[in-house]
């Protein structure tokens, strides 16, 4: 898949992250780190940490925020297809 498609999915994930409601401080910290990782990937500096954080976050949000977990999964799949 193309870089354009990855950027589209990252933009969608960033939007989903903005819609997350009330979460505890641990999850808020995780979301902040994921947002920073998204920015790093968009700037082409560090895609590897994003993949790792997304995997952990998907498990945590799967039940409480299924659309967010789905968006995270799409980005994680895209990164895996790109070998990242």
PDB file of N, CA and C in Angstrom:
ATOM      1  N   UNK A   1       0.835  -1.174   0.000  1.00  0.00           N
ATOM      2  CA  UNK A   1       0.000   0.000   0.000  1.00  0.00           C
ATOM      3  C   UNK A   1       0.884   1.244   0.000  1.00  0.00           C
ATOM      4  N   UNK A   2       0.368   2.286  -0.514  1.00  0.00           N
ATOM      5  CA  UNK A   2       1.157   3.487  -0.728  1.00  0.00           C
ATOM      6  C   UNK A   2       1.321   4.326   0.535  1.00  0.00           C
ATOM      7  N   UNK A   3       2.286   5.208   0.473  1.00  0.00           N
ATOM      8  CA  UNK A   3       2.500   6.161   1.573  1.00  0.00           C
ATOM      9  C   UNK A   3       1.282   7.058   1.729  1.00  0.00           C
ATOM     10  N   UNK A   4       0.651   7.388   0.623  1.00  0.00           N
ATOM     11  CA  UNK A   4      -0.555   8.222   0.663  1.00  0.00           C
ATOM     12  C   UNK A   4      -1.651   7.535   1.485  1.00  0.00           C
ATOM     13  N   UNK A   5      -1.831   6.254   1.270  1.00  0.00           N
ATOM     14  CA  UNK A   5      -2.837   5.499   2.009  1.00  0.00           C
ATOM     15  C   UNK A   5      -2.501   5.454   3.500  1.00  0.00           C
ATOM     16  N   UNK A   6      -1.224   5.278   3.832  1.00  0.00           N
ATOM     17  CA  UNK A   6      -0.809   5.286   5.230  1.00  0.00           C
ATOM     18  C   UNK A   6      -1.111   6.639   5.867  1.00  0.00           C
ATOM     19  N   UNK A   7      -0.793   7.706   5.171  1.00  0.00           N
ATOM     20  CA  UNK A   7      -1.078   9.039   5.708  1.00  0.00           C
ATOM     21  C   UNK A   7      -2.573   9.247   5.919  1.00  0.00           C
ATOM     22  N   UNK A   8      -3.378   8.723   5.020  1.00  0.00           N
ATOM     23  CA  UNK A   8      -4.831   8.830   5.157  1.00  0.00           C
ATOM     24  C   UNK A   8      -5.294   8.085   6.412  1.00  0.00           C
ATOM     25  N   UNK A   9      -4.772   6.890   6.616  1.00  0.00           N
ATOM     26  CA  UNK A   9      -5.144   6.106   7.795  1.00  0.00           C
ATOM     27  C   UNK A   9      -4.649   6.765   9.081  1.00  0.00           C
ATOM     28  N   UNK A  10      -3.460   7.342   9.050  1.00  0.00           N
ATOM     29  CA  UNK A  10      -2.946   8.039  10.230  1.00  0.00           C
ATOM     30  C   UNK A  10      -3.807   9.258  10.556  1.00  0.00           C
ATOM     31  N   UNK A  11      -4.248   9.961   9.530  1.00  0.00           N
ATOM     32  CA  UNK A  11      -5.120  11.117   9.734  1.00  0.00           C
ATOM     33  C   UNK A  11      -6.447  10.666  10.335  1.00  0.00           C
ATOM     34  N   UNK A  12      -6.973   9.556   9.845  1.00  0.00           N
ATOM     35  CA  UNK A  12      -8.216   9.009  10.392  1.00  0.00           C
ATOM     36  C   UNK A  12      -8.020   8.598  11.853  1.00  0.00           C
ATOM     37  N   UNK A  13      -6.894   7.959  12.154  1.00  0.00           N
ATOM     38  CA  UNK A  13      -6.617   7.551  13.527  1.00  0.00           C
ATOM     39  C   UNK A  13      -6.475   8.770  14.431  1.00  0.00           C
ATOM     40  N   UNK A  14      -5.811   9.794  13.961  1.00  0.00           N
ATOM     41  CA  UNK A  14      -5.658  11.022  14.748  1.00  0.00           C
ATOM     42  C   UNK A  14      -7.038  11.619  15.065  1.00  0.00           C
ATOM     43  N   UNK A  15      -7.948  11.568  14.097  1.00  0.00           N
ATOM     44  CA  UNK A  15      -9.318  12.054  14.314  1.00  0.00           C
ATOM     45  C   UNK A  15     -10.016  11.204  15.373  1.00  0.00           C
ATOM     46  N   UNK A  16      -9.896   9.878  15.267  1.00  0.00           N
ATOM     47  CA  UNK A  16     -10.504   8.978  16.252  1.00  0.00           C
ATOM     48  C   UNK A  16      -9.941   9.248  17.648  1.00  0.00           C
ATOM     49  N   UNK A  17      -8.655   9.488  17.741  1.00  0.00           N
ATOM     50  CA  UNK A  17      -8.034   9.770  19.039  1.00  0.00           C
ATOM     51  C   UNK A  17      -8.624  11.033  19.654  1.00  0.00           C
ATOM     52  N   UNK A  18      -8.945  11.995  18.808  1.00  0.00           N
ATOM     53  CA  UNK A  18      -9.533  13.237  19.292  1.00  0.00           C
ATOM     54  C   UNK A  18     -10.941  13.068  19.829  1.00  0.00           C
ATOM     55  N   UNK A  19     -11.597  11.977  19.454  1.00  0.00           N
ATOM     56  CA  UNK A  19     -12.968  11.739  19.883  1.00  0.00           C
ATOM     57  C   UNK A  19     -13.081  10.860  21.122  1.00  0.00           C
ATOM     58  N   UNK A  20     -11.946  10.386  21.638  1.00  0.00           N
ATOM     59  CA  UNK A  20     -11.976   9.541  22.826  1.00  0.00           C
ATOM     60  C   UNK A  20     -12.432  10.382  24.005  1.00  0.00           C
ATOM     61  N   UNK A  21     -13.367   9.850  24.735  1.00  0.00           N
ATOM     62  CA  UNK A  21     -13.912  10.564  25.884  1.00  0.00           C
ATOM     63  C   UNK A  21     -13.054  10.391  27.126  1.00  0.00           C
ATOM     64  N   UNK A  22     -13.710  10.201  28.219  1.00  0.00           N
ATOM     65  CA  UNK A  22     -13.064  10.062  29.518  1.00  0.00           C
ATOM     66  C   UNK A  22     -12.239   8.782  29.604  1.00  0.00           C
ATOM     67  N   UNK A  23     -10.969   8.905  29.916  1.00  0.00           N
ATOM     68  CA  UNK A  23     -10.098   7.751  30.150  1.00  0.00           C
ATOM     69  C   UNK A  23      -9.248   8.040  31.380  1.00  0.00           C
ATOM     70  N   UNK A  24      -8.729   6.960  31.979  1.00  0.00           N
ATOM     71  CA  UNK A  24      -7.890   7.169  33.156  1.00  0.00           C
ATOM     72  C   UNK A  24      -6.531   7.743  32.743  1.00  0.00           C
ATOM     73  N   UNK A  25      -5.746   8.121  33.718  1.00  0.00           N
ATOM     74  CA  UNK A  25      -4.477   8.811  33.424  1.00  0.00           C
ATOM     75  C   UNK A  25      -3.500   7.923  32.669  1.00  0.00           C
ATOM     76  N   UNK A  26      -3.497   6.608  32.934  1.00  0.00           N
ATOM     77  CA  UNK A  26      -2.609   5.703  32.201  1.00  0.00           C
ATOM     78  C   UNK A  26      -2.964   5.669  30.713  1.00  0.00           C
ATOM     79  N   UNK A  27      -4.261   5.565  30.431  1.00  0.00           N
ATOM     80  CA  UNK A  27      -4.689   5.532  29.033  1.00  0.00           C
ATOM     81  C   UNK A  27      -4.465   6.876  28.359  1.00  0.00           C
ATOM     82  N   UNK A  28      -4.658   7.961  29.095  1.00  0.00           N
ATOM     83  CA  UNK A  28      -4.406   9.285  28.523  1.00  0.00           C
ATOM     84  C   UNK A  28      -2.933   9.429  28.149  1.00  0.00           C
ATOM     85  N   UNK A  29      -2.055   8.910  29.003  1.00  0.00           N
ATOM     86  CA  UNK A  29      -0.617   8.942  28.694  1.00  0.00           C
ATOM     87  C   UNK A  29      -0.324   8.118  27.443  1.00  0.00           C
ATOM     88  N   UNK A  30      -0.953   6.943  27.338  1.00  0.00           N
ATOM     89  CA  UNK A  30      -0.762   6.087  26.171  1.00  0.00           C
ATOM     90  C   UNK A  30      -1.227   6.812  24.908  1.00  0.00           C
ATOM     91  N   UNK A  31      -2.382   7.476  24.987  1.00  0.00           N
ATOM     92  CA  UNK A  31      -2.895   8.209  23.834  1.00  0.00           C
ATOM     93  C   UNK A  31      -1.954   9.349  23.443  1.00  0.00           C
ATOM     94  N   UNK A  32      -1.403  10.036  24.421  1.00  0.00           N
ATOM     95  CA  UNK A  32      -0.462  11.123  24.135  1.00  0.00           C
ATOM     96  C   UNK A  32       0.774  10.582  23.421  1.00  0.00           C
ATOM     97  N   UNK A  33       1.256   9.422  23.858  1.00  0.00           N
ATOM     98  CA  UNK A  33       2.424   8.815  23.212  1.00  0.00           C
ATOM     99  C   UNK A  33       2.098   8.379  21.789  1.00  0.00           C
ATOM    100  N   UNK A  34       0.906   7.842  21.595  1.00  0.00           N
ATOM    101  CA  UNK A  34       0.500   7.434  20.245  1.00  0.00           C
ATOM    102  C   UNK A  34       0.387   8.655  19.337  1.00  0.00           C
ATOM    103  N   UNK A  35      -0.183   9.735  19.852  1.00  0.00           N
ATOM    104  CA  UNK A  35      -0.273  10.969  19.044  1.00  0.00           C
ATOM    105  C   UNK A  35       1.128  11.439  18.632  1.00  0.00           C
ATOM    106  N   UNK A  36       2.067  11.400  19.576  1.00  0.00           N
ATOM    107  CA  UNK A  36       3.443  11.813  19.265  1.00  0.00           C
ATOM    108  C   UNK A  36       4.063  10.876  18.238  1.00  0.00           C
ATOM    109  N   UNK A  37       3.780   9.576  18.364  1.00  0.00           N
ATOM    110  CA  UNK A  37       4.307   8.611  17.399  1.00  0.00           C
ATOM    111  C   UNK A  37       3.719   8.836  16.013  1.00  0.00           C
ATOM    112  N   UNK A  38       2.437   9.168  15.949  1.00  0.00           N
ATOM    113  CA  UNK A  38       1.806   9.459  14.655  1.00  0.00           C
ATOM    114  C   UNK A  38       2.515  10.643  14.010  1.00  0.00           C
ATOM    115  N   UNK A  39       2.755  11.680  14.792  1.00  0.00           N
ATOM    116  CA  UNK A  39       3.463  12.847  14.254  1.00  0.00           C
ATOM    117  C   UNK A  39       4.854  12.464  13.766  1.00  0.00           C
ATOM    118  N   UNK A  40       5.541  11.581  14.511  1.00  0.00           N
ATOM    119  CA  UNK A  40       6.882  11.149  14.107  1.00  0.00           C
ATOM    120  C   UNK A  40       6.838  10.368  12.794  1.00  0.00           C
ATOM    121  N   UNK A  41       5.825   9.513  12.653  1.00  0.00           N
ATOM    122  CA  UNK A  41       5.694   8.754  11.402  1.00  0.00           C
ATOM    123  C   UNK A  41       5.382   9.695  10.255  1.00  0.00           C
ATOM    124  N   UNK A  42       4.497  10.649  10.498  1.00  0.00           N
ATOM    125  CA  UNK A  42       4.152  11.600   9.445  1.00  0.00           C
ATOM    126  C   UNK A  42       5.379  12.411   9.029  1.00  0.00           C
ATOM    127  N   UNK A  43       6.287  12.635   9.986  1.00  0.00           N
ATOM    128  CA  UNK A  43       7.524  13.347   9.695  1.00  0.00           C
ATOM    129  C   UNK A  43       8.658  12.403   9.296  1.00  0.00           C
ATOM    130  N   UNK A  44       8.333  11.089   9.229  1.00  0.00           N
ATOM    131  CA  UNK A  44       9.292  10.045   8.823  1.00  0.00           C
ATOM    132  C   UNK A  44      10.453   9.883   9.790  1.00  0.00           C
ATOM    133  N   UNK A  45      10.199   9.971  11.082  1.00  0.00           N
ATOM    134  CA  UNK A  45      11.307   9.818  12.006  1.00  0.00           C
ATOM    135  C   UNK A  45      11.303   8.516  12.785  1.00  0.00           C
ATOM    136  N   UNK A  46      10.121   7.966  13.151  1.00  0.00           N
ATOM    137  CA  UNK A  46      10.137   6.780  14.009  1.00  0.00           C
ATOM    138  C   UNK A  46       8.863   5.949  13.932  1.00  0.00           C
ATOM    139  N   UNK A  47       8.691   5.151  12.888  1.00  0.00           N
ATOM    140  CA  UNK A  47       7.482   4.348  12.779  1.00  0.00           C
ATOM    141  C   UNK A  47       7.459   3.132  13.702  1.00  0.00           C
ATOM    142  N   UNK A  48       8.624   2.653  14.138  1.00  0.00           N
ATOM    143  CA  UNK A  48       8.670   1.421  14.917  1.00  0.00           C
ATOM    144  C   UNK A  48       7.974   1.543  16.265  1.00  0.00           C
ATOM    145  N   UNK A  49       8.173   2.627  16.968  1.00  0.00           N
ATOM    146  CA  UNK A  49       7.526   2.762  18.271  1.00  0.00           C
ATOM    147  C   UNK A  49       6.010   2.868  18.119  1.00  0.00           C
ATOM    148  N   UNK A  50       5.532   3.419  17.027  1.00  0.00           N
ATOM    149  CA  UNK A  50       4.094   3.510  16.808  1.00  0.00           C
ATOM    150  C   UNK A  50       3.493   2.115  16.694  1.00  0.00           C
ATOM    151  N   UNK A  51       4.113   1.229  15.959  1.00  0.00           N
ATOM    152  CA  UNK A  51       3.598  -0.133  15.810  1.00  0.00           C
ATOM    153  C   UNK A  51       3.475  -0.822  17.156  1.00  0.00           C
ATOM    154  N   UNK A  52       4.499  -0.683  17.975  1.00  0.00           N
ATOM    155  CA  UNK A  52       4.492  -1.324  19.295  1.00  0.00           C
ATOM    156  C   UNK A  52       3.402  -0.735  20.184  1.00  0.00           C
ATOM    157  N   UNK A  53       3.286   0.578  20.202  1.00  0.00           N
ATOM    158  CA  UNK A  53       2.278   1.213  21.048  1.00  0.00           C
ATOM    159  C   UNK A  53       0.866   0.897  20.569  1.00  0.00           C
ATOM    160  N   UNK A  54       0.678   0.845  19.254  1.00  0.00           N
ATOM    161  CA  UNK A  54      -0.645   0.530  18.732  1.00  0.00           C
ATOM    162  C   UNK A  54      -1.080  -0.868  19.159  1.00  0.00           C
ATOM    163  N   UNK A  55      -0.173  -1.813  19.100  1.00  0.00           N
ATOM    164  CA  UNK A  55      -0.517  -3.181  19.506  1.00  0.00           C
ATOM    165  C   UNK A  55      -1.001  -3.219  20.945  1.00  0.00           C
ATOM    166  N   UNK A  56      -0.301  -2.521  21.824  1.00  0.00           N
ATOM    167  CA  UNK A  56      -0.704  -2.488  23.234  1.00  0.00           C
ATOM    168  C   UNK A  56      -2.027  -1.749  23.413  1.00  0.00           C
ATOM    169  N   UNK A  57      -2.201  -0.659  22.698  1.00  0.00           N
ATOM    170  CA  UNK A  57      -3.406   0.152  22.852  1.00  0.00           C
ATOM    171  C   UNK A  57      -4.643  -0.552  22.301  1.00  0.00           C
ATOM    172  N   UNK A  58      -4.489  -1.300  21.242  1.00  0.00           N
ATOM    173  CA  UNK A  58      -5.634  -2.001  20.650  1.00  0.00           C
ATOM    174  C   UNK A  58      -6.279  -2.899  21.689  1.00  0.00           C
ATOM    175  N   UNK A  59      -5.459  -3.629  22.436  1.00  0.00           N
ATOM    176  CA  UNK A  59      -5.987  -4.513  23.474  1.00  0.00           C
ATOM    177  C   UNK A  59      -6.734  -3.734  24.546  1.00  0.00           C
ATOM    178  N   UNK A  60      -6.211  -2.587  24.908  1.00  0.00           N
ATOM    179  CA  UNK A  60      -6.827  -1.797  25.984  1.00  0.00           C
ATOM    180  C   UNK A  60      -8.134  -1.140  25.544  1.00  0.00           C
ATOM    181  N   UNK A  61      -8.245  -0.750  24.279  1.00  0.00           N
ATOM    182  CA  UNK A  61      -9.415  -0.009  23.800  1.00  0.00           C
ATOM    183  C   UNK A  61     -10.432  -0.865  23.055  1.00  0.00           C
ATOM    184  N   UNK A  62     -10.136  -2.123  22.834  1.00  0.00           N
ATOM    185  CA  UNK A  62     -10.996  -2.971  22.022  1.00  0.00           C
ATOM    186  C   UNK A  62     -12.446  -3.001  22.514  1.00  0.00           C
ATOM    187  N   UNK A  63     -12.641  -3.063  23.809  1.00  0.00           N
ATOM    188  CA  UNK A  63     -13.988  -3.135  24.359  1.00  0.00           C
ATOM    189  C   UNK A  63     -14.602  -1.760  24.570  1.00  0.00           C
ATOM    190  N   UNK A  64     -13.838  -0.841  25.146  1.00  0.00           N
ATOM    191  CA  UNK A  64     -14.403   0.457  25.506  1.00  0.00           C
ATOM    192  C   UNK A  64     -14.545   1.421  24.329  1.00  0.00           C
ATOM    193  N   UNK A  65     -13.653   1.332  23.340  1.00  0.00           N
ATOM    194  CA  UNK A  65     -13.685   2.236  22.181  1.00  0.00           C
ATOM    195  C   UNK A  65     -13.408   1.426  20.907  1.00  0.00           C
ATOM    196  N   UNK A  66     -14.391   0.619  20.463  1.00  0.00           N
ATOM    197  CA  UNK A  66     -14.149  -0.273  19.330  1.00  0.00           C
ATOM    198  C   UNK A  66     -13.773   0.431  18.024  1.00  0.00           C
ATOM    199  N   UNK A  67     -14.334   1.606  17.755  1.00  0.00           N
ATOM    200  CA  UNK A  67     -13.978   2.275  16.496  1.00  0.00           C
ATOM    201  C   UNK A  67     -12.540   2.789  16.550  1.00  0.00           C
ATOM    202  N   UNK A  68     -12.094   3.225  17.711  1.00  0.00           N
ATOM    203  CA  UNK A  68     -10.703   3.646  17.878  1.00  0.00           C
ATOM    204  C   UNK A  68      -9.778   2.448  17.703  1.00  0.00           C
ATOM    205  N   UNK A  69     -10.117   1.313  18.332  1.00  0.00           N
ATOM    206  CA  UNK A  69      -9.297   0.106  18.205  1.00  0.00           C
ATOM    207  C   UNK A  69      -9.233  -0.346  16.744  1.00  0.00           C
ATOM    208  N   UNK A  70     -10.343  -0.207  16.034  1.00  0.00           N
ATOM    209  CA  UNK A  70     -10.372  -0.576  14.621  1.00  0.00           C
ATOM    210  C   UNK A  70      -9.453   0.327  13.791  1.00  0.00           C
ATOM    211  N   UNK A  71      -9.498   1.630  14.051  1.00  0.00           N
ATOM    212  CA  UNK A  71      -8.633   2.568  13.335  1.00  0.00           C
ATOM    213  C   UNK A  71      -7.169   2.281  13.645  1.00  0.00           C
ATOM    214  N   UNK A  72      -6.881   1.982  14.920  1.00  0.00           N
ATOM    215  CA  UNK A  72      -5.509   1.632  15.300  1.00  0.00           C
ATOM    216  C   UNK A  72      -5.065   0.355  14.587  1.00  0.00           C
ATOM    217  N   UNK A  73      -5.972  -0.616  14.515  1.00  0.00           N
ATOM    218  CA  UNK A  73      -5.654  -1.870  13.838  1.00  0.00           C
ATOM    219  C   UNK A  73      -5.358  -1.669  12.363  1.00  0.00           C
ATOM    220  N   UNK A  74      -6.107  -0.776  11.715  1.00  0.00           N
ATOM    221  CA  UNK A  74      -5.873  -0.497  10.295  1.00  0.00           C
ATOM    222  C   UNK A  74      -4.484   0.101  10.079  1.00  0.00           C
ATOM    223  N   UNK A  75      -4.079   0.997  10.963  1.00  0.00           N
ATOM    224  CA  UNK A  75      -2.761   1.604  10.838  1.00  0.00           C
ATOM    225  C   UNK A  75      -1.678   0.553  11.138  1.00  0.00           C
ATOM    226  N   UNK A  76      -1.885  -0.260  12.170  1.00  0.00           N
ATOM    227  CA  UNK A  76      -0.905  -1.293  12.509  1.00  0.00           C
ATOM    228  C   UNK A  76      -0.739  -2.278  11.349  1.00  0.00           C
ATOM    229  N   UNK A  77      -1.860  -2.665  10.720  1.00  0.00           N
ATOM    230  CA  UNK A  77      -1.801  -3.557   9.557  1.00  0.00           C
ATOM    231  C   UNK A  77      -1.032  -2.914   8.415  1.00  0.00           C
ATOM    232  N   UNK A  78      -1.300  -1.646   8.186  1.00  0.00           N
ATOM    233  CA  UNK A  78      -0.612  -0.913   7.111  1.00  0.00           C
ATOM    234  C   UNK A  78       0.893  -0.870   7.366  1.00  0.00           C
ATOM    235  N   UNK A  79       1.280  -0.576   8.580  1.00  0.00           N
ATOM    236  CA  UNK A  79       2.707  -0.538   8.924  1.00  0.00           C
ATOM    237  C   UNK A  79       3.334  -1.916   8.747  1.00  0.00           C
ATOM    238  N   UNK A  80       2.621  -2.970   9.127  1.00  0.00           N
ATOM    239  CA  UNK A  80       3.138  -4.340   8.964  1.00  0.00           C
ATOM    240  C   UNK A  80       3.330  -4.671   7.493  1.00  0.00           C
ATOM    241  N   UNK A  81       2.369  -4.276   6.661  1.00  0.00           N
ATOM    242  CA  UNK A  81       2.491  -4.528   5.210  1.00  0.00           C
ATOM    243  C   UNK A  81       3.689  -3.803   4.610  1.00  0.00           C
ATOM    244  N   UNK A  82       4.037  -2.673   5.222  1.00  0.00           N
ATOM    245  CA  UNK A  82       5.166  -1.899   4.712  1.00  0.00           C
ATOM    246  C   UNK A  82       6.481  -2.385   5.318  1.00  0.00           C
ATOM    247  N   UNK A  83       6.398  -3.407   6.185  1.00  0.00           N
ATOM    248  CA  UNK A  83       7.602  -3.952   6.792  1.00  0.00           C
ATOM    249  C   UNK A  83       8.138  -3.121   7.928  1.00  0.00           C
ATOM    250  N   UNK A  84       7.279  -2.353   8.551  1.00  0.00           N
ATOM    251  CA  UNK A  84       7.700  -1.462   9.643  1.00  0.00           C
ATOM    252  C   UNK A  84       7.230  -2.057  10.954  1.00  0.00           C
TER     253      UNK A  84
END
